[in-house]
PDB file of N, CA and C in Angstrom:
ATOM      1  N   MET A   1     -42.773   2.351-157.710  1.00  0.00           N
ATOM      2  CA  MET A   1     -43.450   1.118-157.334  1.00  0.00           C
ATOM      3  C   MET A   1     -44.857   1.431-156.821  1.00  0.00           C
ATOM      4  N   ARG A   2     -44.975   2.439-155.992  1.00  0.00           N
ATOM      5  CA  ARG A   2     -46.272   2.785-155.420  1.00  0.00           C
ATOM      6  C   ARG A   2     -47.266   3.137-156.526  1.00  0.00           C
ATOM      7  N   PHE A   3     -46.831   3.932-157.520  1.00  0.00           N
ATOM      8  CA  PHE A   3     -47.701   4.310-158.627  1.00  0.00           C
ATOM      9  C   PHE A   3     -48.203   3.076-159.368  1.00  0.00           C
ATOM     10  N   VAL A   4     -47.324   2.130-159.593  1.00  0.00           N
ATOM     11  CA  VAL A   4     -47.698   0.896-160.289  1.00  0.00           C
ATOM     12  C   VAL A   4     -48.743   0.132-159.495  1.00  0.00           C
ATOM     13  N   LEU A   5     -48.554   0.001-158.200  1.00  0.00           N
ATOM     14  CA  LEU A   5     -49.496  -0.747-157.368  1.00  0.00           C
ATOM     15  C   LEU A   5     -50.858  -0.069-157.295  1.00  0.00           C
ATOM     16  N   VAL A   6     -50.871   1.246-157.168  1.00  0.00           N
ATOM     17  CA  VAL A   6     -52.143   1.959-157.151  1.00  0.00           C
ATOM     18  C   VAL A   6     -52.834   1.831-158.502  1.00  0.00           C
ATOM     19  N   SER A   7     -52.067   1.898-159.576  1.00  0.00           N
ATOM     20  CA  SER A   7     -52.642   1.735-160.918  1.00  0.00           C
ATOM     21  C   SER A   7     -53.269   0.358-161.077  1.00  0.00           C
ATOM     22  N   ILE A   8     -52.594  -0.667-160.606  1.00  0.00           N
ATOM     23  CA  ILE A   8     -53.140  -2.027-160.674  1.00  0.00           C
ATOM     24  C   ILE A   8     -54.428  -2.105-159.871  1.00  0.00           C
ATOM     25  N   ALA A   9     -54.414  -1.543-158.693  1.00  0.00           N
ATOM     26  CA  ALA A   9     -55.603  -1.572-157.840  1.00  0.00           C
ATOM     27  C   ALA A   9     -56.769  -0.868-158.508  1.00  0.00           C
ATOM     28  N   LEU A  10     -56.510   0.241-159.167  1.00  0.00           N
ATOM     29  CA  LEU A  10     -57.585   0.971-159.845  1.00  0.00           C
ATOM     30  C   LEU A  10     -58.117   0.182-161.035  1.00  0.00           C
ATOM     31  N   LEU A  11     -57.282  -0.594-161.674  1.00  0.00           N
ATOM     32  CA  LEU A  11     -57.745  -1.444-162.775  1.00  0.00           C
ATOM     33  C   LEU A  11     -58.577  -2.606-162.263  1.00  0.00           C
ATOM     34  N   VAL A  12     -58.230  -3.128-161.112  1.00  0.00           N
ATOM     35  CA  VAL A  12     -58.938  -4.267-160.536  1.00  0.00           C
ATOM     36  C   VAL A  12     -60.282  -3.844-159.955  1.00  0.00           C
ATOM     37  N   ALA A  13     -60.367  -2.653-159.409  1.00  0.00           N
ATOM     38  CA  ALA A  13     -61.559  -2.199-158.691  1.00  0.00           C
ATOM     39  C   ALA A  13     -62.862  -2.380-159.461  1.00  0.00           C
ATOM     40  N   PRO A  14     -62.939  -2.042-160.750  1.00  0.00           N
ATOM     41  CA  PRO A  14     -64.210  -2.225-161.449  1.00  0.00           C
ATOM     42  C   PRO A  14     -64.633  -3.689-161.587  1.00  0.00           C
ATOM     43  N   MET A  15     -63.709  -4.618-161.445  1.00  0.00           N
ATOM     44  CA  MET A  15     -64.020  -6.042-161.579  1.00  0.00           C
ATOM     45  C   MET A  15     -64.560  -6.632-160.285  1.00  0.00           C
ATOM     46  N   VAL A  16     -64.518  -5.874-159.228  1.00  0.00           N
ATOM     47  CA  VAL A  16     -64.910  -6.359-157.917  1.00  0.00           C
ATOM     48  C   VAL A  16     -66.195  -5.656-157.499  1.00  0.00           C
ATOM     49  N   SER A  17     -67.165  -6.424-157.031  1.00  0.00           N
ATOM     50  CA  SER A  17     -68.410  -5.796-156.592  1.00  0.00           C
ATOM     51  C   SER A  17     -68.146  -4.942-155.366  1.00  0.00           C
ATOM     52  N   GLN A  18     -69.070  -4.006-155.096  1.00  0.00           N
ATOM     53  CA  GLN A  18     -68.881  -3.101-153.968  1.00  0.00           C
ATOM     54  C   GLN A  18     -68.720  -3.825-152.642  1.00  0.00           C
ATOM     55  N   ALA A  19     -69.463  -4.892-152.438  1.00  0.00           N
ATOM     56  CA  ALA A  19     -69.425  -5.587-151.153  1.00  0.00           C
ATOM     57  C   ALA A  19     -68.192  -6.471-151.006  1.00  0.00           C
ATOM     58  N   GLU A  20     -67.599  -6.846-152.108  1.00  0.00           N
ATOM     59  CA  GLU A  20     -66.472  -7.778-152.076  1.00  0.00           C
ATOM     60  C   GLU A  20     -65.149  -7.028-151.909  1.00  0.00           C
ATOM     61  N   PRO A  21     -64.311  -7.440-150.965  1.00  0.00           N
ATOM     62  CA  PRO A  21     -63.014  -6.770-150.827  1.00  0.00           C
ATOM     63  C   PRO A  21     -62.070  -7.170-151.960  1.00  0.00           C
ATOM     64  N   VAL A  22     -61.168  -6.278-152.292  1.00  0.00           N
ATOM     65  CA  VAL A  22     -60.103  -6.593-153.242  1.00  0.00           C
ATOM     66  C   VAL A  22     -59.159  -7.531-152.508  1.00  0.00           C
ATOM     67  N   ARG A  23     -58.894  -8.682-153.082  1.00  0.00           N
ATOM     68  CA  ARG A  23     -58.034  -9.671-152.426  1.00  0.00           C
ATOM     69  C   ARG A  23     -56.598  -9.535-152.938  1.00  0.00           C
ATOM     70  N   LEU A  24     -55.705  -9.252-152.011  1.00  0.00           N
ATOM     71  CA  LEU A  24     -54.294  -9.054-152.312  1.00  0.00           C
ATOM     72  C   LEU A  24     -53.480 -10.145-151.655  1.00  0.00           C
ATOM     73  N   HIS A  25     -52.672 -10.824-152.443  1.00  0.00           N
ATOM     74  CA  HIS A  25     -51.686 -11.775-151.922  1.00  0.00           C
ATOM     75  C   HIS A  25     -50.327 -11.123-152.167  1.00  0.00           C
ATOM     76  N   ALA A  26     -49.563 -10.915-151.102  1.00  0.00           N
ATOM     77  CA  ALA A  26     -48.290 -10.211-151.242  1.00  0.00           C
ATOM     78  C   ALA A  26     -47.213 -10.843-150.382  1.00  0.00           C
ATOM     79  N   ALA A  27     -45.996 -10.715-150.866  1.00  0.00           N
ATOM     80  CA  ALA A  27     -44.834 -11.188-150.109  1.00  0.00           C
ATOM     81  C   ALA A  27     -44.756 -10.429-148.789  1.00  0.00           C
ATOM     82  N   GLY A  28     -44.403 -11.131-147.737  1.00  0.00           N
ATOM     83  CA  GLY A  28     -44.291 -10.511-146.423  1.00  0.00           C
ATOM     84  C   GLY A  28     -43.331  -9.334-146.396  1.00  0.00           C
ATOM     85  N   SER A  29     -42.293  -9.399-147.226  1.00  0.00           N
ATOM     86  CA  SER A  29     -41.314  -8.309-147.263  1.00  0.00           C
ATOM     87  C   SER A  29     -41.885  -7.031-147.873  1.00  0.00           C
ATOM     88  N   LEU A  30     -43.051  -7.126-148.497  1.00  0.00           N
ATOM     89  CA  LEU A  30     -43.695  -5.954-149.106  1.00  0.00           C
ATOM     90  C   LEU A  30     -44.774  -5.357-148.205  1.00  0.00           C
ATOM     91  N   LYS A  31     -44.867  -5.852-146.984  1.00  0.00           N
ATOM     92  CA  LYS A  31     -45.946  -5.457-146.070  1.00  0.00           C
ATOM     93  C   LYS A  31     -46.077  -3.935-145.932  1.00  0.00           C
ATOM     94  N   ALA A  32     -45.000  -3.243-145.664  1.00  0.00           N
ATOM     95  CA  ALA A  32     -45.067  -1.794-145.454  1.00  0.00           C
ATOM     96  C   ALA A  32     -45.534  -1.072-146.714  1.00  0.00           C
ATOM     97  N   ALA A  33     -44.971  -1.430-147.847  1.00  0.00           N
ATOM     98  CA  ALA A  33     -45.358  -0.782-149.102  1.00  0.00           C
ATOM     99  C   ALA A  33     -46.822  -1.063-149.435  1.00  0.00           C
ATOM    100  N   MET A  34     -47.257  -2.290-149.206  1.00  0.00           N
ATOM    101  CA  MET A  34     -48.647  -2.648-149.498  1.00  0.00           C
ATOM    102  C   MET A  34     -49.611  -1.914-148.574  1.00  0.00           C
ATOM    103  N   ALA A  35     -49.266  -1.818-147.304  1.00  0.00           N
ATOM    104  CA  ALA A  35     -50.144  -1.154-146.340  1.00  0.00           C
ATOM    105  C   ALA A  35     -50.353   0.308-146.721  1.00  0.00           C
ATOM    106  N   ASP A  36     -49.284   0.997-147.029  1.00  0.00           N
ATOM    107  CA  ASP A  36     -49.385   2.407-147.424  1.00  0.00           C
ATOM    108  C   ASP A  36     -50.168   2.566-148.720  1.00  0.00           C
ATOM    109  N   THR A  37     -49.844   1.742-149.696  1.00  0.00           N
ATOM    110  CA  THR A  37     -50.478   1.839-151.005  1.00  0.00           C
ATOM    111  C   THR A  37     -51.962   1.560-150.938  1.00  0.00           C
ATOM    112  N   PHE A  38     -52.352   0.494-150.276  1.00  0.00           N
ATOM    113  CA  PHE A  38     -53.762   0.147-150.263  1.00  0.00           C
ATOM    114  C   PHE A  38     -54.570   0.976-149.278  1.00  0.00           C
ATOM    115  N   SER A  39     -53.942   1.542-148.277  1.00  0.00           N
ATOM    116  CA  SER A  39     -54.638   2.516-147.425  1.00  0.00           C
ATOM    117  C   SER A  39     -55.007   3.736-148.265  1.00  0.00           C
ATOM    118  N   GLU A  40     -54.069   4.152-149.098  1.00  0.00           N
ATOM    119  CA  GLU A  40     -54.321   5.271-150.008  1.00  0.00           C
ATOM    120  C   GLU A  40     -55.423   4.910-151.003  1.00  0.00           C
ATOM    121  N   PHE A  41     -55.384   3.703-151.536  1.00  0.00           N
ATOM    122  CA  PHE A  41     -56.407   3.245-152.474  1.00  0.00           C
ATOM    123  C   PHE A  41     -57.788   3.254-151.823  1.00  0.00           C
ATOM    124  N   GLU A  42     -57.889   2.708-150.620  1.00  0.00           N
ATOM    125  CA  GLU A  42     -59.174   2.676-149.917  1.00  0.00           C
ATOM    126  C   GLU A  42     -59.703   4.089-149.671  1.00  0.00           C
ATOM    127  N   ALA A  43     -58.807   5.003-149.361  1.00  0.00           N
ATOM    128  CA  ALA A  43     -59.211   6.377-149.049  1.00  0.00           C
ATOM    129  C   ALA A  43     -59.631   7.161-150.293  1.00  0.00           C
ATOM    130  N   THR A  44     -59.055   6.835-151.448  1.00  0.00           N
ATOM    131  CA  THR A  44     -59.312   7.636-152.652  1.00  0.00           C
ATOM    132  C   THR A  44     -60.174   6.934-153.683  1.00  0.00           C
ATOM    133  N   SER A  45     -60.559   5.702-153.440  1.00  0.00           N
ATOM    134  CA  SER A  45     -61.371   4.952-154.390  1.00  0.00           C
ATOM    135  C   SER A  45     -62.719   5.633-154.581  1.00  0.00           C
ATOM    136  N   ALA A  46     -63.145   5.752-155.834  1.00  0.00           N
ATOM    137  CA  ALA A  46     -64.447   6.366-156.131  1.00  0.00           C
ATOM    138  C   ALA A  46     -65.582   5.529-155.551  1.00  0.00           C
ATOM    139  N   VAL A  47     -65.377   4.236-155.479  1.00  0.00           N
ATOM    140  CA  VAL A  47     -66.342   3.314-154.895  1.00  0.00           C
ATOM    141  C   VAL A  47     -65.691   2.765-153.626  1.00  0.00           C
ATOM    142  N   THR A  48     -66.480   2.492-152.620  1.00  0.00           N
ATOM    143  CA  THR A  48     -65.915   1.992-151.375  1.00  0.00           C
ATOM    144  C   THR A  48     -65.400   0.570-151.559  1.00  0.00           C
ATOM    145  N   HIS A  49     -64.101   0.424-151.512  1.00  0.00           N
ATOM    146  CA  HIS A  49     -63.458  -0.885-151.604  1.00  0.00           C
ATOM    147  C   HIS A  49     -62.550  -1.069-150.402  1.00  0.00           C
ATOM    148  N   LYS A  50     -62.619  -2.220-149.812  1.00  0.00           N
ATOM    149  CA  LYS A  50     -61.684  -2.597-148.765  1.00  0.00           C
ATOM    150  C   LYS A  50     -60.703  -3.587-149.370  1.00  0.00           C
ATOM    151  N   VAL A  51     -59.542  -3.698-148.761  1.00  0.00           N
ATOM    152  CA  VAL A  51     -58.517  -4.616-149.254  1.00  0.00           C
ATOM    153  C   VAL A  51     -58.301  -5.711-148.214  1.00  0.00           C
ATOM    154  N   GLY A  52     -58.476  -6.954-148.633  1.00  0.00           N
ATOM    155  CA  GLY A  52     -58.177  -8.106-147.799  1.00  0.00           C
ATOM    156  C   GLY A  52     -56.790  -8.596-148.162  1.00  0.00           C
ATOM    157  N   THR A  53     -55.881  -8.560-147.227  1.00  0.00           N
ATOM    158  CA  THR A  53     -54.481  -8.868-147.500  1.00  0.00           C
ATOM    159  C   THR A  53     -54.075 -10.210-146.916  1.00  0.00           C
ATOM    160  N   VAL A  54     -53.379 -11.003-147.731  1.00  0.00           N
ATOM    161  CA  VAL A  54     -52.768 -12.258-147.292  1.00  0.00           C
ATOM    162  C   VAL A  54     -51.274 -12.093-147.536  1.00  0.00           C
ATOM    163  N   LEU A  55     -50.482 -12.168-146.478  1.00  0.00           N
ATOM    164  CA  LEU A  55     -49.036 -12.015-146.597  1.00  0.00           C
ATOM    165  C   LEU A  55     -48.351 -13.357-146.388  1.00  0.00           C
ATOM    166  N   GLY A  56     -47.246 -13.562-147.090  1.00  0.00           N
ATOM    167  CA  GLY A  56     -46.494 -14.798-146.929  1.00  0.00           C
ATOM    168  C   GLY A  56     -45.338 -14.868-147.900  1.00  0.00           C
ATOM    169  N   ALA A  57     -44.718 -16.023-147.969  1.00  0.00           N
ATOM    170  CA  ALA A  57     -43.623 -16.245-148.909  1.00  0.00           C
ATOM    171  C   ALA A  57     -44.190 -16.296-150.330  1.00  0.00           C
ATOM    172  N   SER A  58     -43.519 -15.639-151.258  1.00  0.00           N
ATOM    173  CA  SER A  58     -44.017 -15.554-152.629  1.00  0.00           C
ATOM    174  C   SER A  58     -44.299 -16.922-153.241  1.00  0.00           C
ATOM    175  N   GLY A  59     -43.392 -17.866-153.036  1.00  0.00           N
ATOM    176  CA  GLY A  59     -43.575 -19.200-153.603  1.00  0.00           C
ATOM    177  C   GLY A  59     -44.794 -19.911-153.039  1.00  0.00           C
ATOM    178  N   LEU A  60     -45.000 -19.790-151.732  1.00  0.00           N
ATOM    179  CA  LEU A  60     -46.162 -20.428-151.102  1.00  0.00           C
ATOM    180  C   LEU A  60     -47.465 -19.774-151.543  1.00  0.00           C
ATOM    181  N   LEU A  61     -47.453 -18.448-151.668  1.00  0.00           N
ATOM    182  CA  LEU A  61     -48.655 -17.756-152.141  1.00  0.00           C
ATOM    183  C   LEU A  61     -48.987 -18.158-153.568  1.00  0.00           C
ATOM    184  N   ARG A  62     -47.954 -18.260-154.395  1.00  0.00           N
ATOM    185  CA  ARG A  62     -48.177 -18.678-155.783  1.00  0.00           C
ATOM    186  C   ARG A  62     -48.797 -20.069-155.832  1.00  0.00           C
ATOM    187  N   GLU A  63     -48.311 -20.988-155.013  1.00  0.00           N
ATOM    188  CA  GLU A  63     -48.872 -22.339-154.966  1.00  0.00           C
ATOM    189  C   GLU A  63     -50.343 -22.306-154.567  1.00  0.00           C
ATOM    190  N   ARG A  64     -50.685 -21.494-153.575  1.00  0.00           N
ATOM    191  CA  ARG A  64     -52.078 -21.391-153.138  1.00  0.00           C
ATOM    192  C   ARG A  64     -52.964 -20.873-154.265  1.00  0.00           C
ATOM    193  N   ILE A  65     -52.465 -19.878-154.993  1.00  0.00           N
ATOM    194  CA  ILE A  65     -53.226 -19.308-156.111  1.00  0.00           C
ATOM    195  C   ILE A  65     -53.380 -20.345-157.216  1.00  0.00           C
ATOM    196  N   GLU A  66     -52.309 -21.069-157.508  1.00  0.00           N
ATOM    197  CA  GLU A  66     -52.369 -22.108-158.546  1.00  0.00           C
ATOM    198  C   GLU A  66     -53.346 -23.219-158.179  1.00  0.00           C
ATOM    199  N   LYS A  67     -53.554 -23.435-156.882  1.00  0.00           N
ATOM    200  CA  LYS A  67     -54.495 -24.462-156.425  1.00  0.00           C
ATOM    201  C   LYS A  67     -55.929 -23.944-156.362  1.00  0.00           C
ATOM    202  N   GLY A  68     -56.128 -22.686-156.763  1.00  0.00           N
ATOM    203  CA  GLY A  68     -57.484 -22.165-156.863  1.00  0.00           C
ATOM    204  C   GLY A  68     -57.891 -21.099-155.870  1.00  0.00           C
ATOM    205  N   GLU A  69     -56.999 -20.727-154.970  1.00  0.00           N
ATOM    206  CA  GLU A  69     -57.354 -19.667-154.024  1.00  0.00           C
ATOM    207  C   GLU A  69     -57.573 -18.367-154.802  1.00  0.00           C
ATOM    208  N   GLN A  70     -58.665 -17.699-154.499  1.00  0.00           N
ATOM    209  CA  GLN A  70     -59.024 -16.485-155.222  1.00  0.00           C
ATOM    210  C   GLN A  70     -58.139 -15.310-154.820  1.00  0.00           C
ATOM    211  N   THR A  71     -57.716 -14.538-155.811  1.00  0.00           N
ATOM    212  CA  THR A  71     -56.960 -13.310-155.574  1.00  0.00           C
ATOM    213  C   THR A  71     -57.213 -12.360-156.727  1.00  0.00           C
ATOM    214  N   HIS A  72     -57.083 -11.087-156.461  1.00  0.00           N
ATOM    215  CA  HIS A  72     -57.181 -10.073-157.507  1.00  0.00           C
ATOM    216  C   HIS A  72     -55.803  -9.532-157.868  1.00  0.00           C
ATOM    217  N   VAL A  73     -54.936  -9.433-156.854  1.00  0.00           N
ATOM    218  CA  VAL A  73     -53.587  -8.890-157.058  1.00  0.00           C
ATOM    219  C   VAL A  73     -52.583  -9.805-156.359  1.00  0.00           C
ATOM    220  N   PHE A  74     -51.525 -10.164-157.095  1.00  0.00           N
ATOM    221  CA  PHE A  74     -50.436 -10.950-156.521  1.00  0.00           C
ATOM    222  C   PHE A  74     -49.168 -10.118-156.640  1.00  0.00           C
ATOM    223  N   ALA A  75     -48.585  -9.751-155.512  1.00  0.00           N
ATOM    224  CA  ALA A  75     -47.361  -8.960-155.481  1.00  0.00           C
ATOM    225  C   ALA A  75     -46.240  -9.825-154.927  1.00  0.00           C
ATOM    226  N   SER A  76     -45.352 -10.235-155.806  1.00  0.00           N
ATOM    227  CA  SER A  76     -44.253 -11.110-155.422  1.00  0.00           C
ATOM    228  C   SER A  76     -42.963 -10.313-155.257  1.00  0.00           C
ATOM    229  N   ALA A  77     -42.203 -10.663-154.253  1.00  0.00           N
ATOM    230  CA  ALA A  77     -40.887 -10.037-154.074  1.00  0.00           C
ATOM    231  C   ALA A  77     -39.859 -10.686-154.992  1.00  0.00           C
ATOM    232  N   ASP A  78     -40.174 -11.847-155.508  1.00  0.00           N
ATOM    233  CA  ASP A  78     -39.278 -12.600-156.399  1.00  0.00           C
ATOM    234  C   ASP A  78     -39.915 -12.622-157.787  1.00  0.00           C
ATOM    235  N   THR A  79     -39.297 -11.924-158.747  1.00  0.00           N
ATOM    236  CA  THR A  79     -39.877 -11.846-160.091  1.00  0.00           C
ATOM    237  C   THR A  79     -39.950 -13.207-160.779  1.00  0.00           C
ATOM    238  N   GLY A  80     -39.262 -14.193-160.257  1.00  0.00           N
ATOM    239  CA  GLY A  80     -39.339 -15.543-160.816  1.00  0.00           C
ATOM    240  C   GLY A  80     -40.697 -16.193-160.604  1.00  0.00           C
ATOM    241  N   TYR A  81     -41.494 -15.648-159.683  1.00  0.00           N
ATOM    242  CA  TYR A  81     -42.811 -16.203-159.403  1.00  0.00           C
ATOM    243  C   TYR A  81     -43.924 -15.489-160.139  1.00  0.00           C
ATOM    244  N   LEU A  82     -43.618 -14.505-160.935  1.00  0.00           N
ATOM    245  CA  LEU A  82     -44.656 -13.768-161.663  1.00  0.00           C
ATOM    246  C   LEU A  82     -45.072 -14.469-162.921  1.00  0.00           C
TER     247      LEU A  82
END
């Protein structure tokens, strides 16, 4: 799982300007995994990228994204919301 998340982050990084943080919306139950993964990403990124994290229920996060809230990565604990 960690490899997949870091790979996604590395794919997203070129799409984000240096000053703009990578915006992550993730299920609250994934907090520990996301913190470790994106700390590693921030430390090893070729370009300085920070990660802005929004944690919550997968369904509520999906609704916010569908209503136009900007995100680069959506990590759902429920595959039904992907």
